[in-house]
Amino acid sequence: MVNISNYRLVQQGGFTFLFVQARETSYCPICGETLLERGWRLRGMIDRNGDKTALYIRRLCCHKCNRLHHELPDCVVPYKRHCAQTIEAAINGGAHTNFCDRLIHRVRRWWKAVKQYFIDVIGTLRHKHKIICSSPPAFVEIIRAVMNSNNWIFEKSLCTRSVDVS
């Protein structure tokens, strides 16, 4: 996955979905090679008003390490259905979120589980690559840094549901 911040959403023809058109070059988070377009993929997202939006995101291929990557705009959080603004509002205890109480609790548990790891990744990037972030870093900055450094924790390896194990 690659996170981009310089993009525009374009509706072409009479289609009900939006194309994410990048205005920046994407690089492989594994080897640093320039990524080439391989195709498009449909990705759903629920915006802050609760409306469902269908985005066509680019599938990119690295010819050096032969990996496929998806180019996600910064309004999308990987493996989450709701937009980054809604997730950030739920984490910060915002009054206006389109989540039910159970989902807010799950998102907060997810953030509590990954926050220290994400902060450690940013600290490593600051030390190793002299990357500058605001202090404290914004939610979208954290997500972008972790995604583009290929350090994202996949949902399958992180349990955020409460399960009674006897």
Protein backbone atom coordinates (compact mmCIF):
# COMPACT_ATOMS: atom_id res chain seq x y z
CA MET A 1 0.00 0.00 0.00
CA VAL A 2 1.10 3.49 -0.80
CA ASN A 3 -0.50 6.59 0.71
CA ILE A 4 -0.77 9.77 -1.37
CA SER A 5 -1.73 13.26 -0.27
CA ASN A 6 -1.60 15.12 -3.59
CA TYR A 7 -4.53 13.82 -5.63
CA ARG A 8 -7.92 14.75 -7.01
CA LEU A 9 -11.17 12.82 -7.15
CA VAL A 10 -12.66 12.81 -10.64
CA GLN A 11 -16.06 11.61 -11.76
CA GLN A 12 -15.89 10.56 -15.40
CA GLY A 13 -18.95 10.26 -17.57
CA GLY A 14 -22.15 9.27 -15.80
CA PHE A 15 -20.50 6.82 -13.43
CA THR A 16 -21.39 6.83 -9.74
CA PHE A 17 -17.83 6.18 -8.60
CA LEU A 18 -14.80 8.46 -8.38
CA PHE A 19 -11.35 7.92 -9.84
CA VAL A 20 -8.42 8.82 -7.60
CA GLN A 21 -5.91 10.62 -9.83
CA ALA A 22 -2.51 11.12 -8.22
CA ARG A 23 -0.54 14.29 -8.80
CA GLU A 24 2.63 12.79 -7.39
CA THR A 25 4.91 9.89 -8.27
CA SER A 26 4.53 6.80 -6.10
CA TYR A 27 7.54 4.78 -4.97
CA CYS A 28 7.72 1.20 -3.76
CA PRO A 29 7.75 1.13 0.06
CA ILE A 30 9.95 -1.99 -0.07
CA CYS A 31 12.75 -1.11 -2.50
CA GLY A 32 12.14 2.57 -3.38
CA GLU A 33 11.69 1.99 -7.13
CA THR A 34 9.17 4.06 -9.12
CA LEU A 35 5.86 2.21 -9.38
CA LEU A 36 4.11 1.66 -12.69
CA GLU A 37 0.35 1.50 -13.19
CA ARG A 38 -1.04 -2.00 -13.58
CA GLY A 39 -4.78 -1.39 -13.37
CA TRP A 40 -7.61 -0.13 -11.21
CA ARG A 41 -9.51 -1.56 -8.25
CA LEU A 42 -12.80 -0.58 -6.67
CA ARG A 43 -12.59 0.48 -2.99
CA GLY A 44 -15.59 1.49 -0.90
CA MET A 45 -15.51 4.19 1.75
CA ILE A 46 -18.08 5.72 4.08
CA ASP A 47 -17.55 9.49 4.34
CA ARG A 48 -18.08 11.66 7.41
CA ASN A 49 -21.75 12.24 6.48
CA GLY A 50 -22.41 8.48 6.42
CA ASP A 51 -22.70 8.36 2.62
CA LYS A 52 -21.11 5.45 0.80
CA THR A 53 -18.56 6.44 -1.82
CA ALA A 54 -16.98 4.13 -4.37
CA LEU A 55 -13.39 4.98 -5.29
CA TYR A 56 -11.35 3.53 -8.11
CA ILE A 57 -7.78 3.33 -6.86
CA ARG A 58 -4.72 2.45 -8.92
CA ARG A 59 -2.98 -0.89 -8.66
CA LEU A 60 0.73 -0.31 -9.04
CA CYS A 61 3.52 -2.75 -9.83
CA CYS A 62 7.19 -2.59 -8.89
CA HIS A 63 9.35 -4.17 -11.58
CA LYS A 64 12.35 -4.44 -9.26
CA CYS A 65 10.79 -6.51 -6.44
CA ASN A 66 7.70 -7.71 -8.39
CA ARG A 67 5.21 -6.56 -5.74
CA LEU A 68 1.74 -5.11 -6.25
CA HIS A 69 0.67 -2.06 -4.28
CA HIS A 70 -2.57 -0.08 -4.02
CA GLU A 71 -2.39 3.70 -4.10
CA LEU A 72 -4.70 4.96 -1.35
CA PRO A 73 -5.59 8.64 -0.89
CA ASP A 74 -4.95 10.06 2.59
CA CYS A 75 -8.70 10.18 3.29
CA VAL A 76 -8.70 6.35 3.42
CA VAL A 77 -7.35 4.26 6.31
CA PRO A 78 -6.21 0.77 5.24
CA TYR A 79 -8.61 -2.04 6.16
CA LYS A 80 -11.19 0.41 7.52
CA ARG A 81 -14.50 1.29 5.85
CA HIS A 82 -14.92 4.77 7.31
CA CYS A 83 -12.89 7.78 6.17
CA ALA A 84 -9.86 9.02 8.11
CA GLN A 85 -11.72 12.08 9.46
CA THR A 86 -14.46 9.94 10.99
CA ILE A 87 -11.97 7.50 12.53
CA GLU A 88 -9.91 10.37 13.94
CA ALA A 89 -13.06 11.94 15.43
CA ALA A 90 -14.01 8.62 17.04
CA ILE A 91 -10.51 8.19 18.48
CA ASN A 92 -10.42 11.74 19.86
CA GLY A 93 -13.89 11.43 21.37
CA GLY A 94 -15.56 13.71 18.83
CA ALA A 95 -19.26 14.27 19.31
CA HIS A 96 -20.19 13.91 15.63
CA THR A 97 -19.33 10.46 14.31
CA ASN A 98 -21.39 8.10 12.19
CA PHE A 99 -20.38 5.08 14.23
CA CYS A 100 -22.56 3.09 16.55
CA ASP A 101 -21.26 2.85 20.13
CA ARG A 102 -19.89 -0.67 19.66
CA LEU A 103 -17.94 0.36 16.56
CA ILE A 104 -16.53 3.46 18.31
CA HIS A 105 -15.33 1.19 21.11
CA ARG A 106 -13.69 -1.18 18.60
CA VAL A 107 -11.94 1.68 16.75
CA ARG A 108 -10.63 3.07 20.04
CA ARG A 109 -9.38 -0.39 21.02
CA TRP A 110 -7.65 -0.73 17.63
CA TRP A 111 -5.99 2.67 18.08
CA LYS A 112 -4.91 1.84 21.63
CA ALA A 113 -3.35 -1.41 20.37
CA VAL A 114 -1.42 0.14 17.45
CA LYS A 115 -0.70 3.70 18.62
CA GLN A 116 2.58 3.00 20.42
CA TYR A 117 3.83 0.88 17.52
CA PHE A 118 2.94 3.66 15.03
CA ILE A 119 4.68 6.29 17.20
CA ASP A 120 7.76 4.03 17.40
CA VAL A 121 7.78 3.70 13.60
CA ILE A 122 7.70 7.49 13.25
CA GLY A 123 10.51 7.80 15.80
CA THR A 124 12.62 5.34 13.81
CA LEU A 125 11.90 7.21 10.57
CA ARG A 126 12.87 10.52 12.21
CA HIS A 127 16.14 9.05 13.47
CA LYS A 128 17.04 6.97 10.42
CA HIS A 129 15.85 9.17 7.54
CA LYS A 130 15.65 12.60 9.23
CA ILE A 131 11.91 12.84 8.47
CA ILE A 132 10.17 15.85 10.03
CA CYS A 133 6.61 15.58 11.38
CA SER A 134 4.56 17.95 13.45
CA SER A 135 4.73 17.36 17.18
CA PRO A 136 2.53 15.58 18.11
CA PRO A 137 1.98 14.15 14.61
CA ALA A 138 -1.50 14.36 13.13
CA PHE A 139 -3.48 11.15 12.57
CA VAL A 140 -3.12 11.32 8.76
CA GLU A 141 0.64 11.94 9.10
CA ILE A 142 0.98 8.85 11.25
CA ILE A 143 -1.02 6.71 8.82
CA ARG A 144 0.95 8.01 5.82
CA ALA A 145 4.36 7.43 7.44
CA VAL A 146 3.54 3.90 8.56
CA MET A 147 2.02 2.91 5.20
CA ASN A 148 4.78 4.37 3.03
CA SER A 149 7.51 2.77 5.15
CA ASN A 150 5.89 -0.67 4.69
CA ASN A 151 5.32 -1.08 8.45
CA TRP A 152 1.54 -1.45 8.52
CA ILE A 153 0.16 -4.07 10.94
CA PHE A 154 -2.45 -6.17 9.19
CA GLU A 155 -5.83 -6.62 10.87
CA LYS A 156 -5.59 -10.42 10.92
CA SER A 157 -2.61 -10.22 13.28
CA LEU A 158 -4.33 -7.78 15.64
CA CYS A 159 -7.41 -8.72 17.64
CA THR A 160 -9.68 -5.79 18.51
CA ARG A 161 -12.83 -7.74 19.30
CA SER A 162 -13.51 -8.86 22.83
CA VAL A 163 -13.63 -12.64 22.85
CA ASP A 164 -14.29 -14.66 25.97
CA VAL A 165 -11.67 -17.38 25.99
CA SER A 166 -12.30 -19.97 28.70
